[in-house]
Amino acid sequence: MDKLSSMAVFVTAVDCGSFAAAADALSLSAPMVGKHVRQLEQDLGVTLLNRSTRRQSLTEVGRHYYERCKVVLAEVEMADAIARDSKQVAQGHLR
């Protein structure tokens, strides 16, 4: 799993309020959503989400990480859009 994908899954899980809802939104299984979040937590050495069978809530570190992830993902999307748009600009000498 690459970190950027895991960050996107984490943000979606927080936005949707549950792993199951995030799984539906991302066309993944709920266990795969959990795996992405656990991998992030393991890599960082912190708990991002407090989870129970009925609900999830962000930890303080998770809240800060979530906010920064949203910025990073928005920047990646902007970079992709710039690259896509550059293909549509006429290049070379026009006659």
PDB file of N, CA and C in Angstrom:
ATOM      1  N   MET A   1       0.847  -1.186   0.000  1.00  0.00           N
ATOM      2  CA  MET A   1       0.000   0.000   0.000  1.00  0.00           C
ATOM      3  C   MET A   1       0.885   1.239   0.000  1.00  0.00           C
ATOM      4  N   ASP A   2       0.564   2.167  -0.872  1.00  0.00           N
ATOM      5  CA  ASP A   2       1.351   3.391  -0.851  1.00  0.00           C
ATOM      6  C   ASP A   2       0.713   4.386   0.124  1.00  0.00           C
ATOM      7  N   LYS A   3       1.535   5.232   0.658  1.00  0.00           N
ATOM      8  CA  LYS A   3       1.113   6.141   1.713  1.00  0.00           C
ATOM      9  C   LYS A   3       0.036   7.109   1.238  1.00  0.00           C
ATOM     10  N   LEU A   4       0.152   7.609   0.023  1.00  0.00           N
ATOM     11  CA  LEU A   4      -0.828   8.557  -0.489  1.00  0.00           C
ATOM     12  C   LEU A   4      -2.220   7.929  -0.577  1.00  0.00           C
ATOM     13  N   SER A   5      -2.285   6.697  -1.030  1.00  0.00           N
ATOM     14  CA  SER A   5      -3.576   5.993  -1.093  1.00  0.00           C
ATOM     15  C   SER A   5      -4.142   5.797   0.302  1.00  0.00           C
ATOM     16  N   SER A   6      -3.282   5.419   1.237  1.00  0.00           N
ATOM     17  CA  SER A   6      -3.735   5.221   2.614  1.00  0.00           C
ATOM     18  C   SER A   6      -4.225   6.524   3.228  1.00  0.00           C
ATOM     19  N   MET A   7      -3.552   7.619   2.902  1.00  0.00           N
ATOM     20  CA  MET A   7      -4.000   8.918   3.395  1.00  0.00           C
ATOM     21  C   MET A   7      -5.384   9.257   2.841  1.00  0.00           C
ATOM     22  N   ALA A   8      -5.598   8.976   1.564  1.00  0.00           N
ATOM     23  CA  ALA A   8      -6.898   9.244   0.945  1.00  0.00           C
ATOM     24  C   ALA A   8      -7.989   8.386   1.580  1.00  0.00           C
ATOM     25  N   VAL A   9      -7.681   7.135   1.868  1.00  0.00           N
ATOM     26  CA  VAL A   9      -8.648   6.252   2.521  1.00  0.00           C
ATOM     27  C   VAL A   9      -8.948   6.762   3.932  1.00  0.00           C
ATOM     28  N   PHE A  10      -7.925   7.170   4.659  1.00  0.00           N
ATOM     29  CA  PHE A  10      -8.101   7.711   6.008  1.00  0.00           C
ATOM     30  C   PHE A  10      -9.010   8.943   5.982  1.00  0.00           C
ATOM     31  N   VAL A  11      -8.753   9.873   5.084  1.00  0.00           N
ATOM     32  CA  VAL A  11      -9.575  11.089   4.990  1.00  0.00           C
ATOM     33  C   VAL A  11     -11.021  10.727   4.660  1.00  0.00           C
ATOM     34  N   THR A  12     -11.211   9.797   3.743  1.00  0.00           N
ATOM     35  CA  THR A  12     -12.572   9.378   3.389  1.00  0.00           C
ATOM     36  C   THR A  12     -13.268   8.716   4.568  1.00  0.00           C
ATOM     37  N   ALA A  13     -12.541   7.901   5.333  1.00  0.00           N
ATOM     38  CA  ALA A  13     -13.130   7.248   6.505  1.00  0.00           C
ATOM     39  C   ALA A  13     -13.570   8.283   7.534  1.00  0.00           C
ATOM     40  N   VAL A  14     -12.775   9.305   7.717  1.00  0.00           N
ATOM     41  CA  VAL A  14     -13.150  10.360   8.665  1.00  0.00           C
ATOM     42  C   VAL A  14     -14.342  11.137   8.128  1.00  0.00           C
ATOM     43  N   ASP A  15     -14.302  11.511   6.853  1.00  0.00           N
ATOM     44  CA  ASP A  15     -15.398  12.279   6.252  1.00  0.00           C
ATOM     45  C   ASP A  15     -16.711  11.510   6.271  1.00  0.00           C
ATOM     46  N   CYS A  16     -16.641  10.203   6.009  1.00  0.00           N
ATOM     47  CA  CYS A  16     -17.851   9.379   5.950  1.00  0.00           C
ATOM     48  C   CYS A  16     -18.346   8.955   7.336  1.00  0.00           C
ATOM     49  N   GLY A  17     -17.456   8.947   8.317  1.00  0.00           N
ATOM     50  CA  GLY A  17     -17.869   8.612   9.673  1.00  0.00           C
ATOM     51  C   GLY A  17     -17.738   7.150  10.045  1.00  0.00           C
ATOM     52  N   SER A  18     -17.433   6.297   9.083  1.00  0.00           N
ATOM     53  CA  SER A  18     -17.251   4.884   9.395  1.00  0.00           C
ATOM     54  C   SER A  18     -16.451   4.208   8.296  1.00  0.00           C
ATOM     55  N   PHE A  19     -15.868   3.076   8.644  1.00  0.00           N
ATOM     56  CA  PHE A  19     -15.124   2.307   7.656  1.00  0.00           C
ATOM     57  C   PHE A  19     -16.065   1.746   6.601  1.00  0.00           C
ATOM     58  N   ALA A  20     -17.257   1.331   7.025  1.00  0.00           N
ATOM     59  CA  ALA A  20     -18.216   0.749   6.084  1.00  0.00           C
ATOM     60  C   ALA A  20     -18.661   1.782   5.053  1.00  0.00           C
ATOM     61  N   ALA A  21     -18.951   2.996   5.503  1.00  0.00           N
ATOM     62  CA  ALA A  21     -19.374   4.052   4.578  1.00  0.00           C
ATOM     63  C   ALA A  21     -18.222   4.439   3.652  1.00  0.00           C
ATOM     64  N   ALA A  22     -17.009   4.500   4.187  1.00  0.00           N
ATOM     65  CA  ALA A  22     -15.839   4.805   3.369  1.00  0.00           C
ATOM     66  C   ALA A  22     -15.622   3.706   2.337  1.00  0.00           C
ATOM     67  N   ALA A  23     -15.817   2.455   2.752  1.00  0.00           N
ATOM     68  CA  ALA A  23     -15.661   1.328   1.838  1.00  0.00           C
ATOM     69  C   ALA A  23     -16.638   1.455   0.674  1.00  0.00           C
ATOM     70  N   ASP A  24     -17.879   1.821   0.963  1.00  0.00           N
ATOM     71  CA  ASP A  24     -18.865   2.016  -0.103  1.00  0.00           C
ATOM     72  C   ASP A  24     -18.455   3.148  -1.035  1.00  0.00           C
ATOM     73  N   ALA A  25     -17.987   4.244  -0.460  1.00  0.00           N
ATOM     74  CA  ALA A  25     -17.604   5.410  -1.261  1.00  0.00           C
ATOM     75  C   ALA A  25     -16.394   5.116  -2.144  1.00  0.00           C
ATOM     76  N   LEU A  26     -15.502   4.264  -1.666  1.00  0.00           N
ATOM     77  CA  LEU A  26     -14.262   3.979  -2.390  1.00  0.00           C
ATOM     78  C   LEU A  26     -14.285   2.667  -3.168  1.00  0.00           C
ATOM     79  N   SER A  27     -15.395   1.953  -3.093  1.00  0.00           N
ATOM     80  CA  SER A  27     -15.513   0.631  -3.727  1.00  0.00           C
ATOM     81  C   SER A  27     -14.439  -0.325  -3.218  1.00  0.00           C
ATOM     82  N   LEU A  28     -14.239  -0.313  -1.909  1.00  0.00           N
ATOM     83  CA  LEU A  28     -13.328  -1.230  -1.230  1.00  0.00           C
ATOM     84  C   LEU A  28     -14.130  -2.018  -0.207  1.00  0.00           C
ATOM     85  N   SER A  29     -13.504  -3.012   0.394  1.00  0.00           N
ATOM     86  CA  SER A  29     -14.142  -3.704   1.501  1.00  0.00           C
ATOM     87  C   SER A  29     -13.821  -2.942   2.790  1.00  0.00           C
ATOM     88  N   ALA A  30     -14.695  -3.064   3.774  1.00  0.00           N
ATOM     89  CA  ALA A  30     -14.450  -2.409   5.061  1.00  0.00           C
ATOM     90  C   ALA A  30     -13.146  -2.900   5.699  1.00  0.00           C
ATOM     91  N   PRO A  31     -12.831  -4.206   5.635  1.00  0.00           N
ATOM     92  CA  PRO A  31     -11.540  -4.636   6.178  1.00  0.00           C
ATOM     93  C   PRO A  31     -10.337  -3.983   5.472  1.00  0.00           C
ATOM     94  N   MET A  32     -10.449  -3.717   4.176  1.00  0.00           N
ATOM     95  CA  MET A  32      -9.353  -3.056   3.466  1.00  0.00           C
ATOM     96  C   MET A  32      -9.197  -1.617   3.928  1.00  0.00           C
ATOM     97  N   VAL A  33     -10.301  -0.939   4.197  1.00  0.00           N
ATOM     98  CA  VAL A  33     -10.231   0.421   4.747  1.00  0.00           C
ATOM     99  C   VAL A  33      -9.505   0.376   6.090  1.00  0.00           C
ATOM    100  N   GLY A  34      -9.889  -0.581   6.931  1.00  0.00           N
ATOM    101  CA  GLY A  34      -9.229  -0.739   8.223  1.00  0.00           C
ATOM    102  C   GLY A  34      -7.748  -1.032   8.081  1.00  0.00           C
ATOM    103  N   LYS A  35      -7.402  -1.804   7.083  1.00  0.00           N
ATOM    104  CA  LYS A  35      -6.000  -2.150   6.855  1.00  0.00           C
ATOM    105  C   LYS A  35      -5.186  -0.907   6.484  1.00  0.00           C
ATOM    106  N   HIS A  36      -5.752  -0.053   5.653  1.00  0.00           N
ATOM    107  CA  HIS A  36      -5.075   1.191   5.284  1.00  0.00           C
ATOM    108  C   HIS A  36      -4.836   2.063   6.528  1.00  0.00           C
ATOM    109  N   VAL A  37      -5.859   2.200   7.346  1.00  0.00           N
ATOM    110  CA  VAL A  37      -5.738   3.042   8.542  1.00  0.00           C
ATOM    111  C   VAL A  37      -4.737   2.428   9.523  1.00  0.00           C
ATOM    112  N   ARG A  38      -4.809   1.132   9.726  1.00  0.00           N
ATOM    113  CA  ARG A  38      -3.848   0.466  10.626  1.00  0.00           C
ATOM    114  C   ARG A  38      -2.418   0.613  10.122  1.00  0.00           C
ATOM    115  N   GLN A  39      -2.229   0.533   8.807  1.00  0.00           N
ATOM    116  CA  GLN A  39      -0.891   0.686   8.251  1.00  0.00           C
ATOM    117  C   GLN A  39      -0.348   2.093   8.510  1.00  0.00           C
ATOM    118  N   LEU A  40      -1.195   3.096   8.332  1.00  0.00           N
ATOM    119  CA  LEU A  40      -0.779   4.461   8.649  1.00  0.00           C
ATOM    120  C   LEU A  40      -0.398   4.580  10.115  1.00  0.00           C
ATOM    121  N   GLU A  41      -1.251   4.051  10.990  1.00  0.00           N
ATOM    122  CA  GLU A  41      -0.981   4.124  12.423  1.00  0.00           C
ATOM    123  C   GLU A  41       0.321   3.411  12.779  1.00  0.00           C
ATOM    124  N   GLN A  42       0.551   2.285  12.166  1.00  0.00           N
ATOM    125  CA  GLN A  42       1.775   1.529  12.424  1.00  0.00           C
ATOM    126  C   GLN A  42       3.000   2.293  11.929  1.00  0.00           C
ATOM    127  N   ASP A  43       2.920   2.849  10.735  1.00  0.00           N
ATOM    128  CA  ASP A  43       4.039   3.617  10.182  1.00  0.00           C
ATOM    129  C   ASP A  43       4.354   4.838  11.039  1.00  0.00           C
ATOM    130  N   LEU A  44       3.320   5.493  11.538  1.00  0.00           N
ATOM    131  CA  LEU A  44       3.502   6.718  12.317  1.00  0.00           C
ATOM    132  C   LEU A  44       3.783   6.443  13.800  1.00  0.00           C
ATOM    133  N   GLY A  45       3.375   5.277  14.262  1.00  0.00           N
ATOM    134  CA  GLY A  45       3.561   4.939  15.665  1.00  0.00           C
ATOM    135  C   GLY A  45       2.590   5.647  16.595  1.00  0.00           C
ATOM    136  N   VAL A  46       1.431   6.034  16.055  1.00  0.00           N
ATOM    137  CA  VAL A  46       0.406   6.721  16.847  1.00  0.00           C
ATOM    138  C   VAL A  46      -0.971   6.152  16.509  1.00  0.00           C
ATOM    139  N   THR A  47      -1.938   6.424  17.367  1.00  0.00           N
ATOM    140  CA  THR A  47      -3.324   6.068  17.101  1.00  0.00           C
ATOM    141  C   THR A  47      -4.010   7.280  16.494  1.00  0.00           C
ATOM    142  N   LEU A  48      -4.588   7.107  15.320  1.00  0.00           N
ATOM    143  CA  LEU A  48      -5.267   8.212  14.639  1.00  0.00           C
ATOM    144  C   LEU A  48      -6.760   8.237  14.956  1.00  0.00           C
ATOM    145  N   LEU A  49      -7.338   7.055  15.107  1.00  0.00           N
ATOM    146  CA  LEU A  49      -8.771   6.936  15.364  1.00  0.00           C
ATOM    147  C   LEU A  49      -9.021   6.047  16.576  1.00  0.00           C
ATOM    148  N   ASN A  50      -9.894   6.507  17.451  1.00  0.00           N
ATOM    149  CA  ASN A  50     -10.408   5.646  18.506  1.00  0.00           C
ATOM    150  C   ASN A  50     -11.600   4.921  17.905  1.00  0.00           C
ATOM    151  N   ARG A  51     -11.572   3.592  17.920  1.00  0.00           N
ATOM    152  CA  ARG A  51     -12.620   2.821  17.273  1.00  0.00           C
ATOM    153  C   ARG A  51     -13.318   1.910  18.279  1.00  0.00           C
ATOM    154  N   SER A  52     -14.622   1.820  18.127  1.00  0.00           N
ATOM    155  CA  SER A  52     -15.402   0.820  18.851  1.00  0.00           C
ATOM    156  C   SER A  52     -16.310   0.162  17.819  1.00  0.00           C
ATOM    157  N   THR A  53     -17.106  -0.769  18.245  1.00  0.00           N
ATOM    158  CA  THR A  53     -17.991  -1.452  17.296  1.00  0.00           C
ATOM    159  C   THR A  53     -19.083  -0.523  16.796  1.00  0.00           C
ATOM    160  N   ARG A  54     -19.348   0.536  17.514  1.00  0.00           N
ATOM    161  CA  ARG A  54     -20.449   1.426  17.146  1.00  0.00           C
ATOM    162  C   ARG A  54     -20.027   2.769  16.555  1.00  0.00           C
ATOM    163  N   ARG A  55     -18.822   3.231  16.872  1.00  0.00           N
ATOM    164  CA  ARG A  55     -18.426   4.543  16.368  1.00  0.00           C
ATOM    165  C   ARG A  55     -16.917   4.704  16.332  1.00  0.00           C
ATOM    166  N   GLN A  56     -16.497   5.756  15.675  1.00  0.00           N
ATOM    167  CA  GLN A  56     -15.083   6.089  15.625  1.00  0.00           C
ATOM    168  C   GLN A  56     -14.944   7.581  15.896  1.00  0.00           C
ATOM    169  N   SER A  57     -13.832   7.966  16.468  1.00  0.00           N
ATOM    170  CA  SER A  57     -13.557   9.380  16.703  1.00  0.00           C
ATOM    171  C   SER A  57     -12.062   9.617  16.542  1.00  0.00           C
ATOM    172  N   LEU A  58     -11.725  10.795  16.087  1.00  0.00           N
ATOM    173  CA  LEU A  58     -10.332  11.153  15.898  1.00  0.00           C
ATOM    174  C   LEU A  58      -9.650  11.411  17.236  1.00  0.00           C
ATOM    175  N   THR A  59      -8.423  10.967  17.340  1.00  0.00           N
ATOM    176  CA  THR A  59      -7.595  11.366  18.471  1.00  0.00           C
ATOM    177  C   THR A  59      -7.099  12.782  18.171  1.00  0.00           C
ATOM    178  N   GLU A  60      -6.453  13.409  19.134  1.00  0.00           N
ATOM    179  CA  GLU A  60      -5.908  14.743  18.901  1.00  0.00           C
ATOM    180  C   GLU A  60      -4.877  14.715  17.766  1.00  0.00           C
ATOM    181  N   VAL A  61      -3.985  13.733  17.814  1.00  0.00           N
ATOM    182  CA  VAL A  61      -2.994  13.577  16.738  1.00  0.00           C
ATOM    183  C   VAL A  61      -3.702  13.283  15.427  1.00  0.00           C
ATOM    184  N   GLY A  62      -4.732  12.452  15.464  1.00  0.00           N
ATOM    185  CA  GLY A  62      -5.493  12.113  14.269  1.00  0.00           C
ATOM    186  C   GLY A  62      -6.150  13.320  13.638  1.00  0.00           C
ATOM    187  N   ARG A  63      -6.633  14.235  14.470  1.00  0.00           N
ATOM    188  CA  ARG A  63      -7.282  15.450  13.956  1.00  0.00           C
ATOM    189  C   ARG A  63      -6.261  16.306  13.201  1.00  0.00           C
ATOM    190  N   HIS A  64      -5.082  16.482  13.779  1.00  0.00           N
ATOM    191  CA  HIS A  64      -4.034  17.267  13.114  1.00  0.00           C
ATOM    192  C   HIS A  64      -3.579  16.577  11.824  1.00  0.00           C
ATOM    193  N   TYR A  65      -3.410  15.268  11.896  1.00  0.00           N
ATOM    194  CA  TYR A  65      -2.975  14.505  10.724  1.00  0.00           C
ATOM    195  C   TYR A  65      -4.022  14.586   9.618  1.00  0.00           C
ATOM    196  N   TYR A  66      -5.305  14.489   9.980  1.00  0.00           N
ATOM    197  CA  TYR A  66      -6.407  14.583   9.029  1.00  0.00           C
ATOM    198  C   TYR A  66      -6.368  15.928   8.299  1.00  0.00           C
ATOM    199  N   GLU A  67      -6.189  17.000   9.039  1.00  0.00           N
ATOM    200  CA  GLU A  67      -6.153  18.336   8.433  1.00  0.00           C
ATOM    201  C   GLU A  67      -4.995  18.463   7.441  1.00  0.00           C
ATOM    202  N   ARG A  68      -3.821  17.956   7.812  1.00  0.00           N
ATOM    203  CA  ARG A  68      -2.664  18.031   6.915  1.00  0.00           C
ATOM    204  C   ARG A  68      -2.852  17.116   5.707  1.00  0.00           C
ATOM    205  N   CYS A  69      -3.457  15.958   5.908  1.00  0.00           N
ATOM    206  CA  CYS A  69      -3.717  15.037   4.790  1.00  0.00           C
ATOM    207  C   CYS A  69      -4.629  15.690   3.762  1.00  0.00           C
ATOM    208  N   LYS A  70      -5.643  16.416   4.227  1.00  0.00           N
ATOM    209  CA  LYS A  70      -6.537  17.095   3.291  1.00  0.00           C
ATOM    210  C   LYS A  70      -5.768  18.096   2.440  1.00  0.00           C
ATOM    211  N   VAL A  71      -4.823  18.815   3.037  1.00  0.00           N
ATOM    212  CA  VAL A  71      -4.014  19.784   2.295  1.00  0.00           C
ATOM    213  C   VAL A  71      -3.136  19.065   1.274  1.00  0.00           C
ATOM    214  N   VAL A  72      -2.484  17.998   1.708  1.00  0.00           N
ATOM    215  CA  VAL A  72      -1.599  17.236   0.817  1.00  0.00           C
ATOM    216  C   VAL A  72      -2.394  16.677  -0.360  1.00  0.00           C
ATOM    217  N   LEU A  73      -3.542  16.089  -0.093  1.00  0.00           N
ATOM    218  CA  LEU A  73      -4.345  15.497  -1.165  1.00  0.00           C
ATOM    219  C   LEU A  73      -4.868  16.563  -2.123  1.00  0.00           C
ATOM    220  N   ALA A  74      -5.217  17.735  -1.599  1.00  0.00           N
ATOM    221  CA  ALA A  74      -5.661  18.837  -2.463  1.00  0.00           C
ATOM    222  C   ALA A  74      -4.516  19.306  -3.355  1.00  0.00           C
ATOM    223  N   GLU A  75      -3.313  19.375  -2.810  1.00  0.00           N
ATOM    224  CA  GLU A  75      -2.148  19.773  -3.601  1.00  0.00           C
ATOM    225  C   GLU A  75      -1.849  18.752  -4.702  1.00  0.00           C
ATOM    226  N   VAL A  76      -1.969  17.479  -4.380  1.00  0.00           N
ATOM    227  CA  VAL A  76      -1.746  16.442  -5.390  1.00  0.00           C
ATOM    228  C   VAL A  76      -2.783  16.561  -6.503  1.00  0.00           C
ATOM    229  N   GLU A  77      -4.019  16.783  -6.123  1.00  0.00           N
ATOM    230  CA  GLU A  77      -5.075  16.937  -7.123  1.00  0.00           C
ATOM    231  C   GLU A  77      -4.821  18.156  -8.003  1.00  0.00           C
ATOM    232  N   MET A  78      -4.345  19.251  -7.398  1.00  0.00           N
ATOM    233  CA  MET A  78      -4.043  20.449  -8.160  1.00  0.00           C
ATOM    234  C   MET A  78      -2.884  20.193  -9.131  1.00  0.00           C
ATOM    235  N   ALA A  79      -1.861  19.497  -8.669  1.00  0.00           N
ATOM    236  CA  ALA A  79      -0.719  19.172  -9.542  1.00  0.00           C
ATOM    237  C   ALA A  79      -1.174  18.304 -10.708  1.00  0.00           C
ATOM    238  N   ASP A  80      -2.038  17.330 -10.431  1.00  0.00           N
ATOM    239  CA  ASP A  80      -2.571  16.481 -11.501  1.00  0.00           C
ATOM    240  C   ASP A  80      -3.369  17.299 -12.506  1.00  0.00           C
ATOM    241  N   ALA A  81      -4.185  18.228 -12.003  1.00  0.00           N
ATOM    242  CA  ALA A  81      -5.004  19.057 -12.888  1.00  0.00           C
ATOM    243  C   ALA A  81      -4.128  19.937 -13.774  1.00  0.00           C
ATOM    244  N   ILE A  82      -3.068  20.501 -13.203  1.00  0.00           N
ATOM    245  CA  ILE A  82      -2.156  21.326 -13.989  1.00  0.00           C
ATOM    246  C   ILE A  82      -1.505  20.493 -15.092  1.00  0.00           C
ATOM    247  N   ALA A  83      -1.082  19.292 -14.747  1.00  0.00           N
ATOM    248  CA  ALA A  83      -0.453  18.421 -15.742  1.00  0.00           C
ATOM    249  C   ALA A  83      -1.444  18.042 -16.841  1.00  0.00           C
ATOM    250  N   ARG A  84      -2.676  17.722 -16.460  1.00  0.00           N
ATOM    251  CA  ARG A  84      -3.694  17.370 -17.460  1.00  0.00           C
ATOM    252  C   ARG A  84      -3.999  18.557 -18.368  1.00  0.00           C
ATOM    253  N   ASP A  85      -4.115  19.751 -17.771  1.00  0.00           N
ATOM    254  CA  ASP A  85      -4.446  20.943 -18.546  1.00  0.00           C
ATOM    255  C   ASP A  85      -3.324  21.326 -19.493  1.00  0.00           C
ATOM    256  N   SER A  86      -2.101  21.011 -19.154  1.00  0.00           N
ATOM    257  CA  SER A  86      -0.981  21.386 -20.016  1.00  0.00           C
ATOM    258  C   SER A  86      -1.018  20.629 -21.340  1.00  0.00           C
ATOM    259  N   LYS A  87      -1.658  19.480 -21.371  1.00  0.00           N
ATOM    260  CA  LYS A  87      -1.789  18.722 -22.617  1.00  0.00           C
ATOM    261  C   LYS A  87      -2.712  19.434 -23.592  1.00  0.00           C
ATOM    262  N   GLN A  88      -3.605  20.268 -23.100  1.00  0.00           N
ATOM    263  CA  GLN A  88      -4.599  20.910 -23.942  1.00  0.00           C
ATOM    264  C   GLN A  88      -4.113  22.232 -24.532  1.00  0.00           C
ATOM    265  N   VAL A  89      -2.976  22.701 -24.097  1.00  0.00           N
ATOM    266  CA  VAL A  89      -2.433  23.961 -24.606  1.00  0.00           C
ATOM    267  C   VAL A  89      -1.669  23.680 -25.896  1.00  0.00           C
ATOM    268  N   ALA A  90      -1.890  24.500 -26.886  1.00  0.00           N
ATOM    269  CA  ALA A  90      -1.175  24.335 -28.165  1.00  0.00           C
ATOM    270  C   ALA A  90       0.308  24.535 -27.941  1.00  0.00           C
ATOM    271  N   GLN A  91       1.106  23.670 -28.549  1.00  0.00           N
ATOM    272  CA  GLN A  91       2.539  23.740 -28.380  1.00  0.00           C
ATOM    273  C   GLN A  91       3.212  23.805 -29.737  1.00  0.00           C
ATOM    274  N   GLY A  92       4.410  24.354 -29.752  1.00  0.00           N
ATOM    275  CA  GLY A  92       5.156  24.439 -31.003  1.00  0.00           C
ATOM    276  C   GLY A  92       4.810  25.691 -31.777  1.00  0.00           C
ATOM    277  N   HIS A  93       5.262  25.766 -33.020  1.00  0.00           N
ATOM    278  CA  HIS A  93       5.026  26.930 -33.877  1.00  0.00           C
ATOM    279  C   HIS A  93       3.693  26.763 -34.596  1.00  0.00           C
ATOM    280  N   LEU A  94       2.856  27.749 -34.479  1.00  0.00           N
ATOM    281  CA  LEU A  94       1.589  27.738 -35.195  1.00  0.00           C
ATOM    282  C   LEU A  94       1.723  28.537 -36.477  1.00  0.00           C
ATOM    283  N   ARG A  95       1.131  28.063 -37.555  1.00  0.00           N
ATOM    284  CA  ARG A  95       1.200  28.771 -38.846  1.00  0.00           C
ATOM    285  C   ARG A  95      -0.174  29.214 -39.271  1.00  0.00           C
TER     286      ARG A  95
END
